[in-house]
Amino acid sequence: MSTTTGKAARTAEVRAGTGDFPHPADGPEGSRRRRKSSMGVQNVAGWLFSTPFLVLFLLFMAVPILATLAMSFTDFGLRNVTRPLDANFIGFENYVNLFNDDKFLTSLFNTAYFVVVGVPLTVFLGLFVAVLLNNGIDRARTFFRVGFYAPVVTTIVAVAVVWRFVLDPSDGLVAALFSEVGLTAPDFLGSETLAMPSMIVMAVWRNLGTVMVLFIAGLQAIPTEVREAARLDGAGLWQEFRRITVPLLRPTLLYATVITTIGYLNVFEEPFVMTQGGPSDSTLNVRQALTLSHSEGPAAGASETPPTGPHVHSADSRPHPARAGAPWTCALPARGV
């Protein structure tokens, strides 16, 4: 009775104009307005936090890339550094000259070969090792993790030099193993057929640790409840791996593949130190070809100014140190070459 009386009294106050009317902001429209305002503040804050990165990205990445693309359609060279507006538009002439260069086409094929074979090997072996270290090996697990990751933090040039001596046909470790069984070791780095596979094996060995760490992190992020549920349903190891592990590792697989591909496309030090692009340009990659073109003379439409960097000889013009009998020294190109 008292509740009914109270409602009637409030209704009478509203009708008489003495009661409190509900505020419009308390309705659905007001709630939507508040949400939009909150989202606007969050967007502004996000852009403010992103501004330093965006400025640096535009100055040091986007603008140089676009400028390089624009200059590729001109005869821009060293003579135009101080007077960039004096460069002349020549259309696709630079690209025509580039793809008519047999050395560049060879380096393009070698780079594609290196990436197509090396990236899947690195990713799959990294996943295999990660699964073993995460599930199959209980003792000395930390030791194996450190052992697989150690090549990653080792200087690239040092790794290349060590592998060059390991594969040396006269005094290398592989030659000693062959001699133990009465066989003669092939010249891995001196053979047009074996030089690139040898380079891929070395690259996979060195980069395996990075991919392994990524996959171990991904495997440890998979909830144990999911695995236990699959085992209770009768799933074996292979079914668990194929239907549980691999689908949940797809983001990690994508990331590992992308960063490995980027690294293999930019390979330079290993083939430069081990083979200098030889024999017969069988290990020459795109970065080496561009370096050689700059060191040996002006690039297509670049400049008549003589090169300032040291001359980089190919493997065909440098004797193999093991065959020449002279001490080998690694002469790296100067920066900017």
C-alpha atoms as a PDB file:
ATOM      1  CA  MET A   1       0.000   0.000   0.000  1.00  0.00           C
ATOM      2  CA  SER A   2       2.805   2.373   0.905  1.00  0.00           C
ATOM      3  CA  THR A   3       4.647   1.577  -2.351  1.00  0.00           C
ATOM      4  CA  THR A   4       1.578   2.425  -4.420  1.00  0.00           C
ATOM      5  CA  THR A   5       1.088   5.657  -2.500  1.00  0.00           C
ATOM      6  CA  GLY A   6       4.739   6.643  -3.048  1.00  0.00           C
ATOM      7  CA  LYS A   7       4.531   6.062  -6.830  1.00  0.00           C
ATOM      8  CA  ALA A   8       1.327   8.107  -7.041  1.00  0.00           C
ATOM      9  CA  ALA A   9       2.933  10.946  -5.098  1.00  0.00           C
ATOM     10  CA  ARG A  10       5.955  11.066  -7.376  1.00  0.00           C
ATOM     11  CA  THR A  11       3.709  11.033 -10.448  1.00  0.00           C
ATOM     12  CA  ALA A  12       1.723  13.922  -9.041  1.00  0.00           C
ATOM     13  CA  GLU A  13       4.934  15.915  -8.370  1.00  0.00           C
ATOM     14  CA  VAL A  14       6.131  15.409 -11.924  1.00  0.00           C
ATOM     15  CA  ARG A  15       2.807  16.497 -13.374  1.00  0.00           C
ATOM     16  CA  ALA A  16       2.748  19.546 -11.088  1.00  0.00           C
ATOM     17  CA  GLY A  17       6.249  20.517 -12.200  1.00  0.00           C
ATOM     18  CA  THR A  18       7.831  20.141  -8.775  1.00  0.00           C
ATOM     19  CA  GLY A  19       9.414  16.707  -9.322  1.00  0.00           C
ATOM     20  CA  ASP A  20      12.732  15.714 -11.008  1.00  0.00           C
ATOM     21  CA  PHE A  21      12.489  14.753 -14.658  1.00  0.00           C
ATOM     22  CA  PRO A  22      14.939  12.125 -15.947  1.00  0.00           C
ATOM     23  CA  HIS A  23      18.036  13.701 -17.572  1.00  0.00           C
ATOM     24  CA  PRO A  24      18.398  13.005 -21.345  1.00  0.00           C
ATOM     25  CA  ALA A  25      22.005  11.838 -20.853  1.00  0.00           C
ATOM     26  CA  ASP A  26      20.722   8.928 -18.763  1.00  0.00           C
ATOM     27  CA  GLY A  27      18.987   7.366 -21.803  1.00  0.00           C
ATOM     28  CA  PRO A  28      20.373   5.242 -24.691  1.00  0.00           C
ATOM     29  CA  GLU A  29      21.330   8.329 -26.705  1.00  0.00           C
ATOM     30  CA  GLY A  30      23.380   9.727 -23.858  1.00  0.00           C
ATOM     31  CA  SER A  31      25.148   6.404 -23.376  1.00  0.00           C
ATOM     32  CA  ARG A  32      26.121   6.323 -27.048  1.00  0.00           C
ATOM     33  CA  ARG A  33      27.379   9.898 -26.830  1.00  0.00           C
ATOM     34  CA  ARG A  34      29.579   9.075 -23.855  1.00  0.00           C
ATOM     35  CA  ARG A  35      31.016   6.029 -25.650  1.00  0.00           C
ATOM     36  CA  LYS A  36      31.875   8.097 -28.732  1.00  0.00           C
ATOM     37  CA  SER A  37      33.549  10.735 -26.587  1.00  0.00           C
ATOM     38  CA  SER A  38      35.609   8.093 -24.773  1.00  0.00           C
ATOM     39  CA  MET A  39      36.659   6.499 -28.076  1.00  0.00           C
ATOM     40  CA  GLY A  40      37.674   9.910 -29.430  1.00  0.00           C
ATOM     41  CA  VAL A  41      39.905  10.558 -26.425  1.00  0.00           C
ATOM     42  CA  GLN A  42      41.502   7.109 -26.800  1.00  0.00           C
ATOM     43  CA  ASN A  43      42.148   7.674 -30.505  1.00  0.00           C
ATOM     44  CA  VAL A  44      43.803  11.027 -29.848  1.00  0.00           C
ATOM     45  CA  ALA A  45      45.965   9.501 -27.110  1.00  0.00           C
ATOM     46  CA  GLY A  46      46.939   6.638 -29.411  1.00  0.00           C
ATOM     47  CA  TRP A  47      48.002   8.992 -32.200  1.00  0.00           C
ATOM     48  CA  LEU A  48      49.992  11.114 -29.742  1.00  0.00           C
ATOM     49  CA  PHE A  49      51.886   8.058 -28.489  1.00  0.00           C
ATOM     50  CA  SER A  50      52.493   6.910 -32.085  1.00  0.00           C
ATOM     51  CA  THR A  51      53.724  10.285 -33.327  1.00  0.00           C
ATOM     52  CA  PRO A  52      57.451   9.801 -32.439  1.00  0.00           C
ATOM     53  CA  PHE A  53      57.557   6.492 -34.288  1.00  0.00           C
ATOM     54  CA  LEU A  54      55.630   7.845 -37.263  1.00  0.00           C
ATOM     55  CA  VAL A  55      57.971  10.828 -37.579  1.00  0.00           C
ATOM     56  CA  LEU A  56      61.072   8.623 -37.477  1.00  0.00           C
ATOM     57  CA  PHE A  57      59.503   6.114 -39.883  1.00  0.00           C
ATOM     58  CA  LEU A  58      58.608   8.819 -42.390  1.00  0.00           C
ATOM     59  CA  LEU A  59      62.018  10.526 -42.181  1.00  0.00           C
ATOM     60  CA  PHE A  60      64.254   7.474 -42.259  1.00  0.00           C
ATOM     61  CA  MET A  61      62.172   4.815 -44.048  1.00  0.00           C
ATOM     62  CA  ALA A  62      59.241   6.027 -46.129  1.00  0.00           C
ATOM     63  CA  VAL A  63      60.828   9.167 -47.592  1.00  0.00           C
ATOM     64  CA  PRO A  64      64.158   7.469 -48.543  1.00  0.00           C
ATOM     65  CA  ILE A  65      62.316   4.538 -50.134  1.00  0.00           C
ATOM     66  CA  LEU A  66      60.074   6.825 -52.185  1.00  0.00           C
ATOM     67  CA  ALA A  67      63.042   9.023 -53.110  1.00  0.00           C
ATOM     68  CA  THR A  68      65.029   5.979 -54.243  1.00  0.00           C
ATOM     69  CA  LEU A  69      62.091   4.812 -56.334  1.00  0.00           C
ATOM     70  CA  ALA A  70      61.827   8.218 -57.964  1.00  0.00           C
ATOM     71  CA  MET A  71      65.589   8.404 -58.616  1.00  0.00           C
ATOM     72  CA  SER A  72      65.533   4.987 -60.306  1.00  0.00           C
ATOM     73  CA  PHE A  73      63.706   6.634 -63.217  1.00  0.00           C
ATOM     74  CA  THR A  74      66.434   9.271 -63.630  1.00  0.00           C
ATOM     75  CA  ASP A  75      70.167   9.367 -64.352  1.00  0.00           C
ATOM     76  CA  PHE A  76      70.826  10.536 -60.786  1.00  0.00           C
ATOM     77  CA  GLY A  77      74.446   9.938 -59.777  1.00  0.00           C
ATOM     78  CA  LEU A  78      77.121  11.186 -57.441  1.00  0.00           C
ATOM     79  CA  ARG A  79      77.410  14.382 -59.451  1.00  0.00           C
ATOM     80  CA  ASN A  80      73.778  15.147 -58.551  1.00  0.00           C
ATOM     81  CA  VAL A  81      74.139  14.857 -54.779  1.00  0.00           C
ATOM     82  CA  THR A  82      74.582  18.593 -54.396  1.00  0.00           C
ATOM     83  CA  ARG A  83      72.338  19.409 -57.383  1.00  0.00           C
ATOM     84  CA  PRO A  84      69.546  16.812 -57.387  1.00  0.00           C
ATOM     85  CA  LEU A  85      67.333  18.831 -59.717  1.00  0.00           C
ATOM     86  CA  ASP A  86      69.897  18.491 -62.519  1.00  0.00           C
ATOM     87  CA  ALA A  87      69.081  14.766 -62.883  1.00  0.00           C
ATOM     88  CA  ASN A  88      67.293  13.866 -66.108  1.00  0.00           C
ATOM     89  CA  PHE A  89      64.248  11.611 -66.408  1.00  0.00           C
ATOM     90  CA  ILE A  90      65.137   8.502 -68.446  1.00  0.00           C
ATOM     91  CA  GLY A  91      62.106   6.286 -67.801  1.00  0.00           C
ATOM     92  CA  PHE A  92      62.754   2.556 -67.493  1.00  0.00           C
ATOM     93  CA  GLU A  93      66.245   2.656 -69.011  1.00  0.00           C
ATOM     94  CA  ASN A  94      67.933   1.705 -65.715  1.00  0.00           C
ATOM     95  CA  TYR A  95      65.621  -1.291 -65.312  1.00  0.00           C
ATOM     96  CA  VAL A  96      66.187  -2.407 -68.895  1.00  0.00           C
ATOM     97  CA  ASN A  97      69.949  -2.276 -68.377  1.00  0.00           C
ATOM     98  CA  LEU A  98      69.637  -4.110 -65.086  1.00  0.00           C
ATOM     99  CA  PHE A  99      67.636  -7.035 -66.443  1.00  0.00           C
ATOM    100  CA  ASN A 100      69.893  -7.283 -69.486  1.00  0.00           C
ATOM    101  CA  ASP A 101      72.856  -7.852 -67.192  1.00  0.00           C
ATOM    102  CA  ASP A 102      73.638 -11.575 -67.033  1.00  0.00           C
ATOM    103  CA  LYS A 103      75.476 -11.240 -63.716  1.00  0.00           C
ATOM    104  CA  PHE A 104      72.451  -9.617 -62.076  1.00  0.00           C
ATOM    105  CA  LEU A 105      70.089 -12.275 -63.420  1.00  0.00           C
ATOM    106  CA  THR A 106      72.413 -14.969 -62.062  1.00  0.00           C
ATOM    107  CA  SER A 107      72.484 -13.273 -58.664  1.00  0.00           C
ATOM    108  CA  LEU A 108      68.689 -12.997 -58.712  1.00  0.00           C
ATOM    109  CA  PHE A 109      68.322 -16.722 -59.378  1.00  0.00           C
ATOM    110  CA  ASN A 110      70.880 -17.581 -56.667  1.00  0.00           C
ATOM    111  CA  THR A 111      69.096 -15.406 -54.123  1.00  0.00           C
ATOM    112  CA  ALA A 112      65.758 -17.028 -54.949  1.00  0.00           C
ATOM    113  CA  TYR A 113      67.359 -20.479 -54.668  1.00  0.00           C
ATOM    114  CA  PHE A 114      68.887 -19.575 -51.316  1.00  0.00           C
ATOM    115  CA  VAL A 115      65.564 -18.312 -49.941  1.00  0.00           C
ATOM    116  CA  VAL A 116      63.276 -21.010 -51.350  1.00  0.00           C
ATOM    117  CA  VAL A 117      65.435 -23.842 -50.005  1.00  0.00           C
ATOM    118  CA  GLY A 118      66.841 -22.225 -46.871  1.00  0.00           C
ATOM    119  CA  VAL A 119      63.715 -20.711 -45.319  1.00  0.00           C
ATOM    120  CA  PRO A 120      61.594 -23.922 -45.171  1.00  0.00           C
ATOM    121  CA  LEU A 121      64.566 -25.903 -43.848  1.00  0.00           C
ATOM    122  CA  THR A 122      65.213 -23.343 -41.117  1.00  0.00           C
ATOM    123  CA  VAL A 123      61.570 -23.064 -40.076  1.00  0.00           C
ATOM    124  CA  PHE A 124      60.810 -26.808 -40.061  1.00  0.00           C
ATOM    125  CA  LEU A 125      64.042 -27.789 -38.311  1.00  0.00           C
ATOM    126  CA  GLY A 126      63.509 -24.988 -35.797  1.00  0.00           C
ATOM    127  CA  LEU A 127      60.024 -26.292 -35.061  1.00  0.00           C
ATOM    128  CA  PHE A 128      61.311 -29.857 -34.744  1.00  0.00           C
ATOM    129  CA  VAL A 129      64.047 -28.863 -32.291  1.00  0.00           C
ATOM    130  CA  ALA A 130      61.631 -26.667 -30.317  1.00  0.00           C
ATOM    131  CA  VAL A 131      59.169 -29.546 -29.906  1.00  0.00           C
ATOM    132  CA  LEU A 132      61.953 -31.854 -28.746  1.00  0.00           C
ATOM    133  CA  LEU A 133      63.284 -29.345 -26.226  1.00  0.00           C
ATOM    134  CA  ASN A 134      59.811 -28.479 -24.988  1.00  0.00           C
ATOM    135  CA  ASN A 135      58.450 -32.003 -24.606  1.00  0.00           C
ATOM    136  CA  GLY A 136      60.908 -34.747 -25.489  1.00  0.00           C
ATOM    137  CA  ILE A 137      64.099 -33.819 -23.623  1.00  0.00           C
ATOM    138  CA  ASP A 138      64.026 -33.519 -19.834  1.00  0.00           C
ATOM    139  CA  ARG A 139      67.709 -33.615 -18.902  1.00  0.00           C
ATOM    140  CA  ALA A 140      70.168 -30.862 -19.795  1.00  0.00           C
ATOM    141  CA  ARG A 141      67.384 -28.927 -21.549  1.00  0.00           C
ATOM    142  CA  THR A 142      69.030 -25.567 -20.797  1.00  0.00           C
ATOM    143  CA  PHE A 143      72.348 -26.824 -22.138  1.00  0.00           C
ATOM    144  CA  PHE A 144      70.795 -27.762 -25.477  1.00  0.00           C
ATOM    145  CA  ARG A 145      68.925 -24.462 -25.719  1.00  0.00           C
ATOM    146  CA  VAL A 146      72.101 -22.480 -25.151  1.00  0.00           C
ATOM    147  CA  GLY A 147      73.993 -24.698 -27.606  1.00  0.00           C
ATOM    148  CA  PHE A 148      71.476 -24.198 -30.394  1.00  0.00           C
ATOM    149  CA  TYR A 149      71.247 -20.444 -29.775  1.00  0.00           C
ATOM    150  CA  ALA A 150      74.993 -19.788 -29.442  1.00  0.00           C
ATOM    151  CA  PRO A 151      75.616 -19.413 -33.235  1.00  0.00           C
ATOM    152  CA  VAL A 152      73.015 -16.647 -33.385  1.00  0.00           C
ATOM    153  CA  VAL A 153      75.012 -14.361 -31.082  1.00  0.00           C
ATOM    154  CA  THR A 154      78.325 -15.185 -32.758  1.00  0.00           C
ATOM    155  CA  THR A 155      79.798 -12.719 -35.246  1.00  0.00           C
ATOM    156  CA  ILE A 156      78.732 -13.576 -38.786  1.00  0.00           C
ATOM    157  CA  VAL A 157      82.230 -13.171 -40.189  1.00  0.00           C
ATOM    158  CA  ALA A 158      83.674 -15.440 -37.489  1.00  0.00           C
ATOM    159  CA  VAL A 159      81.073 -18.104 -38.274  1.00  0.00           C
ATOM    160  CA  ALA A 160      81.806 -17.868 -41.997  1.00  0.00           C
ATOM    161  CA  VAL A 161      85.560 -18.146 -41.446  1.00  0.00           C
ATOM    162  CA  VAL A 162      85.119 -21.195 -39.190  1.00  0.00           C
ATOM    163  CA  TRP A 163      82.879 -22.907 -41.741  1.00  0.00           C
ATOM    164  CA  ARG A 164      85.337 -22.115 -44.505  1.00  0.00           C
ATOM    165  CA  PHE A 165      88.054 -23.974 -42.642  1.00  0.00           C
ATOM    166  CA  VAL A 166      85.658 -26.783 -41.676  1.00  0.00           C
ATOM    167  CA  LEU A 167      84.846 -27.354 -45.355  1.00  0.00           C
ATOM    168  CA  ASP A 168      88.424 -26.962 -46.538  1.00  0.00           C
ATOM    169  CA  PRO A 169      89.151 -29.912 -48.882  1.00  0.00           C
ATOM    170  CA  SER A 170      92.712 -30.371 -47.611  1.00  0.00           C
ATOM    171  CA  ASP A 171      92.849 -29.733 -43.870  1.00  0.00           C
ATOM    172  CA  GLY A 172      89.237 -29.203 -42.853  1.00  0.00           C
ATOM    173  CA  LEU A 173      87.222 -31.199 -40.343  1.00  0.00           C
ATOM    174  CA  VAL A 174      84.993 -32.686 -43.050  1.00  0.00           C
ATOM    175  CA  ALA A 175      88.070 -33.756 -45.023  1.00  0.00           C
ATOM    176  CA  ALA A 176      89.422 -35.506 -41.916  1.00  0.00           C
ATOM    177  CA  LEU A 177      86.133 -37.372 -41.434  1.00  0.00           C
ATOM    178  CA  PHE A 178      86.161 -38.482 -45.074  1.00  0.00           C
ATOM    179  CA  SER A 179      89.736 -39.657 -44.789  1.00  0.00           C
ATOM    180  CA  GLU A 180      88.845 -41.810 -41.762  1.00  0.00           C
ATOM    181  CA  VAL A 181      86.607 -43.925 -43.973  1.00  0.00           C
ATOM    182  CA  GLY A 182      89.036 -43.942 -46.899  1.00  0.00           C
ATOM    183  CA  LEU A 183      87.274 -41.340 -49.023  1.00  0.00           C
ATOM    184  CA  THR A 184      88.383 -38.064 -50.536  1.00  0.00           C
ATOM    185  CA  ALA A 185      86.385 -35.030 -49.459  1.00  0.00           C
ATOM    186  CA  PRO A 186      84.915 -32.968 -52.286  1.00  0.00           C
ATOM    187  CA  ASP A 187      85.752 -29.302 -52.601  1.00  0.00           C
ATOM    188  CA  PHE A 188      82.441 -28.035 -51.241  1.00  0.00           C
ATOM    189  CA  LEU A 189      83.159 -24.342 -51.732  1.00  0.00           C
ATOM    190  CA  GLY A 190      85.036 -24.844 -55.004  1.00  0.00           C
ATOM    191  CA  SER A 191      82.281 -26.801 -56.737  1.00  0.00           C
ATOM    192  CA  GLU A 192      79.555 -25.045 -58.684  1.00  0.00           C
ATOM    193  CA  THR A 193      77.141 -27.792 -57.636  1.00  0.00           C
ATOM    194  CA  LEU A 194      77.995 -27.971 -53.916  1.00  0.00           C
ATOM    195  CA  ALA A 195      78.842 -24.358 -53.090  1.00  0.00           C
ATOM    196  CA  MET A 196      75.274 -23.092 -52.708  1.00  0.00           C
ATOM    197  CA  PRO A 197      74.007 -26.149 -50.747  1.00  0.00           C
ATOM    198  CA  SER A 198      77.005 -25.723 -48.425  1.00  0.00           C
ATOM    199  CA  MET A 199      76.067 -22.078 -47.943  1.00  0.00           C
ATOM    200  CA  ILE A 200      72.471 -23.046 -47.165  1.00  0.00           C
ATOM    201  CA  VAL A 201      73.563 -25.647 -44.595  1.00  0.00           C
ATOM    202  CA  MET A 202      75.700 -23.049 -42.844  1.00  0.00           C
ATOM    203  CA  ALA A 203      72.883 -20.463 -42.870  1.00  0.00           C
ATOM    204  CA  VAL A 204      70.360 -22.969 -41.493  1.00  0.00           C
ATOM    205  CA  TRP A 205      72.783 -23.963 -38.732  1.00  0.00           C
ATOM    206  CA  ARG A 206      73.330 -20.349 -37.753  1.00  0.00           C
ATOM    207  CA  ASN A 207      69.697 -19.184 -37.828  1.00  0.00           C
ATOM    208  CA  LEU A 208      68.154 -22.287 -36.294  1.00  0.00           C
ATOM    209  CA  GLY A 209      68.456 -20.857 -32.779  1.00  0.00           C
ATOM    210  CA  THR A 210      66.325 -17.801 -33.474  1.00  0.00           C
ATOM    211  CA  VAL A 211      63.451 -19.824 -34.917  1.00  0.00           C
ATOM    212  CA  MET A 212      63.785 -22.373 -32.103  1.00  0.00           C
ATOM    213  CA  VAL A 213      63.360 -19.694 -29.417  1.00  0.00           C
ATOM    214  CA  LEU A 214      60.273 -18.312 -31.167  1.00  0.00           C
ATOM    215  CA  PHE A 215      58.652 -21.733 -31.380  1.00  0.00           C
ATOM    216  CA  ILE A 216      59.484 -22.609 -27.771  1.00  0.00           C
ATOM    217  CA  ALA A 217      57.727 -19.417 -26.669  1.00  0.00           C
ATOM    218  CA  GLY A 218      54.744 -20.312 -28.852  1.00  0.00           C
ATOM    219  CA  LEU A 219      54.595 -23.883 -27.542  1.00  0.00           C
ATOM    220  CA  GLN A 220      54.688 -22.741 -23.936  1.00  0.00           C
ATOM    221  CA  ALA A 221      51.797 -20.365 -24.623  1.00  0.00           C
ATOM    222  CA  ILE A 222      49.506 -23.254 -25.637  1.00  0.00           C
ATOM    223  CA  PRO A 223      47.222 -24.088 -22.676  1.00  0.00           C
ATOM    224  CA  THR A 224      47.969 -27.483 -21.139  1.00  0.00           C
ATOM    225  CA  GLU A 225      44.228 -28.071 -20.760  1.00  0.00           C
ATOM    226  CA  VAL A 226      43.878 -28.259 -24.538  1.00  0.00           C
ATOM    227  CA  ARG A 227      46.552 -30.951 -24.790  1.00  0.00           C
ATOM    228  CA  GLU A 228      45.095 -32.916 -21.900  1.00  0.00           C
ATOM    229  CA  ALA A 229      41.623 -32.790 -23.434  1.00  0.00           C
ATOM    230  CA  ALA A 230      42.995 -34.095 -26.730  1.00  0.00           C
ATOM    231  CA  ARG A 231      44.750 -36.966 -24.956  1.00  0.00           C
ATOM    232  CA  LEU A 232      41.590 -37.863 -23.056  1.00  0.00           C
ATOM    233  CA  ASP A 233      39.789 -38.033 -26.392  1.00  0.00           C
ATOM    234  CA  GLY A 234      42.347 -40.588 -27.563  1.00  0.00           C
ATOM    235  CA  ALA A 235      44.571 -38.359 -29.744  1.00  0.00           C
ATOM    236  CA  GLY A 236      48.077 -39.675 -30.362  1.00  0.00           C
ATOM    237  CA  LEU A 237      51.263 -37.629 -30.547  1.00  0.00           C
ATOM    238  CA  TRP A 238      50.984 -37.014 -34.274  1.00  0.00           C
ATOM    239  CA  GLN A 239      47.286 -36.109 -34.097  1.00  0.00           C
ATOM    240  CA  GLU A 240      47.977 -33.773 -31.175  1.00  0.00           C
ATOM    241  CA  PHE A 241      50.785 -32.118 -33.088  1.00  0.00           C
ATOM    242  CA  ARG A 242      48.836 -31.803 -36.351  1.00  0.00           C
ATOM    243  CA  ARG A 243      45.443 -30.798 -34.959  1.00  0.00           C
ATOM    244  CA  ILE A 244      46.397 -28.902 -31.781  1.00  0.00           C
ATOM    245  CA  THR A 245      49.990 -27.668 -31.902  1.00  0.00           C
ATOM    246  CA  VAL A 246      50.297 -26.535 -35.521  1.00  0.00           C
ATOM    247  CA  PRO A 247      46.967 -24.617 -35.687  1.00  0.00           C
ATOM    248  CA  LEU A 248      47.742 -22.779 -32.445  1.00  0.00           C
ATOM    249  CA  LEU A 249      51.264 -21.995 -33.699  1.00  0.00           C
ATOM    250  CA  ARG A 250      50.127 -20.355 -36.951  1.00  0.00           C
ATOM    251  CA  PRO A 251      50.922 -16.771 -35.811  1.00  0.00           C
ATOM    252  CA  THR A 252      54.375 -17.892 -34.670  1.00  0.00           C
ATOM    253  CA  LEU A 253      54.905 -19.812 -37.923  1.00  0.00           C
ATOM    254  CA  LEU A 254      54.008 -16.726 -39.940  1.00  0.00           C
ATOM    255  CA  TYR A 255      56.302 -14.469 -37.930  1.00  0.00           C
ATOM    256  CA  ALA A 256      59.219 -16.901 -38.055  1.00  0.00           C
ATOM    257  CA  THR A 257      58.813 -17.347 -41.815  1.00  0.00           C
ATOM    258  CA  VAL A 258      58.678 -13.602 -42.463  1.00  0.00           C
ATOM    259  CA  ILE A 259      61.743 -12.653 -40.414  1.00  0.00           C
ATOM    260  CA  THR A 260      63.731 -15.619 -41.768  1.00  0.00           C
ATOM    261  CA  THR A 261      62.859 -14.672 -45.348  1.00  0.00           C
ATOM    262  CA  ILE A 262      63.899 -11.063 -44.742  1.00  0.00           C
ATOM    263  CA  GLY A 263      67.201 -12.215 -43.284  1.00  0.00           C
ATOM    264  CA  TYR A 264      67.931 -14.604 -46.148  1.00  0.00           C
ATOM    265  CA  LEU A 265      67.107 -11.974 -48.758  1.00  0.00           C
ATOM    266  CA  ASN A 266      69.686  -9.678 -47.137  1.00  0.00           C
ATOM    267  CA  VAL A 267      72.468 -12.257 -46.822  1.00  0.00           C
ATOM    268  CA  PHE A 268      75.865 -10.870 -47.728  1.00  0.00           C
ATOM    269  CA  GLU A 269      78.677 -11.594 -45.277  1.00  0.00           C
ATOM    270  CA  GLU A 270      78.615 -15.394 -45.444  1.00  0.00           C
ATOM    271  CA  PRO A 271      79.029 -15.835 -49.221  1.00  0.00           C
ATOM    272  CA  PHE A 272      81.360 -12.860 -49.409  1.00  0.00           C
ATOM    273  CA  VAL A 273      83.747 -14.311 -46.832  1.00  0.00           C
ATOM    274  CA  MET A 274      83.440 -17.957 -47.856  1.00  0.00           C
ATOM    275  CA  THR A 275      83.342 -17.868 -51.665  1.00  0.00           C
ATOM    276  CA  GLN A 276      83.360 -14.217 -52.790  1.00  0.00           C
ATOM    277  CA  GLY A 277      80.427 -15.128 -55.021  1.00  0.00           C
ATOM    278  CA  GLY A 278      82.172 -18.002 -56.792  1.00  0.00           C
ATOM    279  CA  PRO A 279      82.862 -20.381 -58.229  1.00  0.00           C
ATOM    280  CA  SER A 280      81.605 -18.987 -61.537  1.00  0.00           C
ATOM    281  CA  ASP A 281      79.084 -16.768 -59.707  1.00  0.00           C
ATOM    282  CA  SER A 282      77.277 -19.838 -58.342  1.00  0.00           C
ATOM    283  CA  THR A 283      76.891 -18.180 -54.905  1.00  0.00           C
ATOM    284  CA  LEU A 284      76.640 -14.580 -56.060  1.00  0.00           C
ATOM    285  CA  ASN A 285      73.562 -12.903 -54.581  1.00  0.00           C
ATOM    286  CA  VAL A 286      71.844  -9.614 -55.323  1.00  0.00           C
ATOM    287  CA  ARG A 287      73.602  -7.629 -52.595  1.00  0.00           C
ATOM    288  CA  GLN A 288      76.983  -8.881 -53.774  1.00  0.00           C
ATOM    289  CA  ALA A 289      76.145  -8.070 -57.391  1.00  0.00           C
ATOM    290  CA  LEU A 290      75.181  -4.504 -56.489  1.00  0.00           C
ATOM    291  CA  THR A 291      78.330  -4.125 -54.393  1.00  0.00           C
ATOM    292  CA  LEU A 292      80.470  -5.447 -57.244  1.00  0.00           C
ATOM    293  CA  SER A 293      78.826  -3.116 -59.757  1.00  0.00           C
ATOM    294  CA  HIS A 294      79.539  -0.165 -57.490  1.00  0.00           C
ATOM    295  CA  SER A 295      83.109  -1.231 -56.746  1.00  0.00           C
ATOM    296  CA  GLU A 296      84.099  -2.081 -60.302  1.00  0.00           C
ATOM    297  CA  GLY A 297      82.563   0.916 -61.993  1.00  0.00           C
ATOM    298  CA  PRO A 298      79.529   3.163 -62.282  1.00  0.00           C
ATOM    299  CA  ALA A 299      76.123   1.580 -62.170  1.00  0.00           C
ATOM    300  CA  ALA A 300      73.672   2.050 -65.000  1.00  0.00           C
ATOM    301  CA  GLY A 301      73.031   5.757 -65.308  1.00  0.00           C
ATOM    302  CA  ALA A 302      74.725   6.487 -61.991  1.00  0.00           C
ATOM    303  CA  SER A 303      77.846   8.561 -62.474  1.00  0.00           C
ATOM    304  CA  GLU A 304      81.130   8.849 -64.312  1.00  0.00           C
ATOM    305  CA  THR A 305      82.910   9.392 -60.964  1.00  0.00           C
ATOM    306  CA  PRO A 306      85.402   6.598 -60.245  1.00  0.00           C
ATOM    307  CA  PRO A 307      84.463   4.326 -57.342  1.00  0.00           C
ATOM    308  CA  THR A 308      85.844   5.246 -53.929  1.00  0.00           C
ATOM    309  CA  GLY A 309      85.569   1.846 -52.290  1.00  0.00           C
ATOM    310  CA  PRO A 310      88.003  -1.067 -52.557  1.00  0.00           C
ATOM    311  CA  HIS A 311      87.794  -3.381 -55.519  1.00  0.00           C
ATOM    312  CA  VAL A 312      86.063  -6.664 -54.680  1.00  0.00           C
ATOM    313  CA  HIS A 313      87.285  -9.565 -56.768  1.00  0.00           C
ATOM    314  CA  SER A 314      85.106 -12.531 -57.548  1.00  0.00           C
ATOM    315  CA  ALA A 315      86.131 -16.048 -56.631  1.00  0.00           C
ATOM    316  CA  ASP A 316      87.128 -16.711 -60.207  1.00  0.00           C
ATOM    317  CA  SER A 317      89.981 -14.183 -59.987  1.00  0.00           C
ATOM    318  CA  ARG A 318      91.109 -15.095 -56.448  1.00  0.00           C
ATOM    319  CA  PRO A 319      92.867 -18.407 -55.815  1.00  0.00           C
ATOM    320  CA  HIS A 320      91.438 -20.653 -53.146  1.00  0.00           C
ATOM    321  CA  PRO A 321      93.683 -20.253 -50.063  1.00  0.00           C
ATOM    322  CA  ALA A 322      93.923 -24.000 -49.519  1.00  0.00           C
ATOM    323  CA  ARG A 323      95.102 -24.516 -53.086  1.00  0.00           C
ATOM    324  CA  ALA A 324      97.308 -21.445 -53.267  1.00  0.00           C
ATOM    325  CA  GLY A 325      99.168 -22.314 -50.075  1.00  0.00           C
ATOM    326  CA  ALA A 326      99.081 -18.715 -48.845  1.00  0.00           C
ATOM    327  CA  PRO A 327      97.593 -17.426 -45.593  1.00  0.00           C
ATOM    328  CA  TRP A 328      94.046 -16.281 -46.056  1.00  0.00           C
ATOM    329  CA  THR A 329      92.925 -12.851 -44.940  1.00  0.00           C
ATOM    330  CA  CYS A 330      89.425 -11.461 -44.938  1.00  0.00           C
ATOM    331  CA  ALA A 331      89.288  -8.018 -46.521  1.00  0.00           C
ATOM    332  CA  LEU A 332      85.847  -6.580 -45.971  1.00  0.00           C
ATOM    333  CA  PRO A 333      84.553  -3.666 -48.050  1.00  0.00           C
ATOM    334  CA  ALA A 334      84.488  -0.221 -46.551  1.00  0.00           C
ATOM    335  CA  ARG A 335      81.191   1.043 -45.213  1.00  0.00           C
ATOM    336  CA  GLY A 336      78.997   2.660 -47.784  1.00  0.00           C
ATOM    337  CA  VAL A 337      80.299   0.467 -50.592  1.00  0.00           C
END
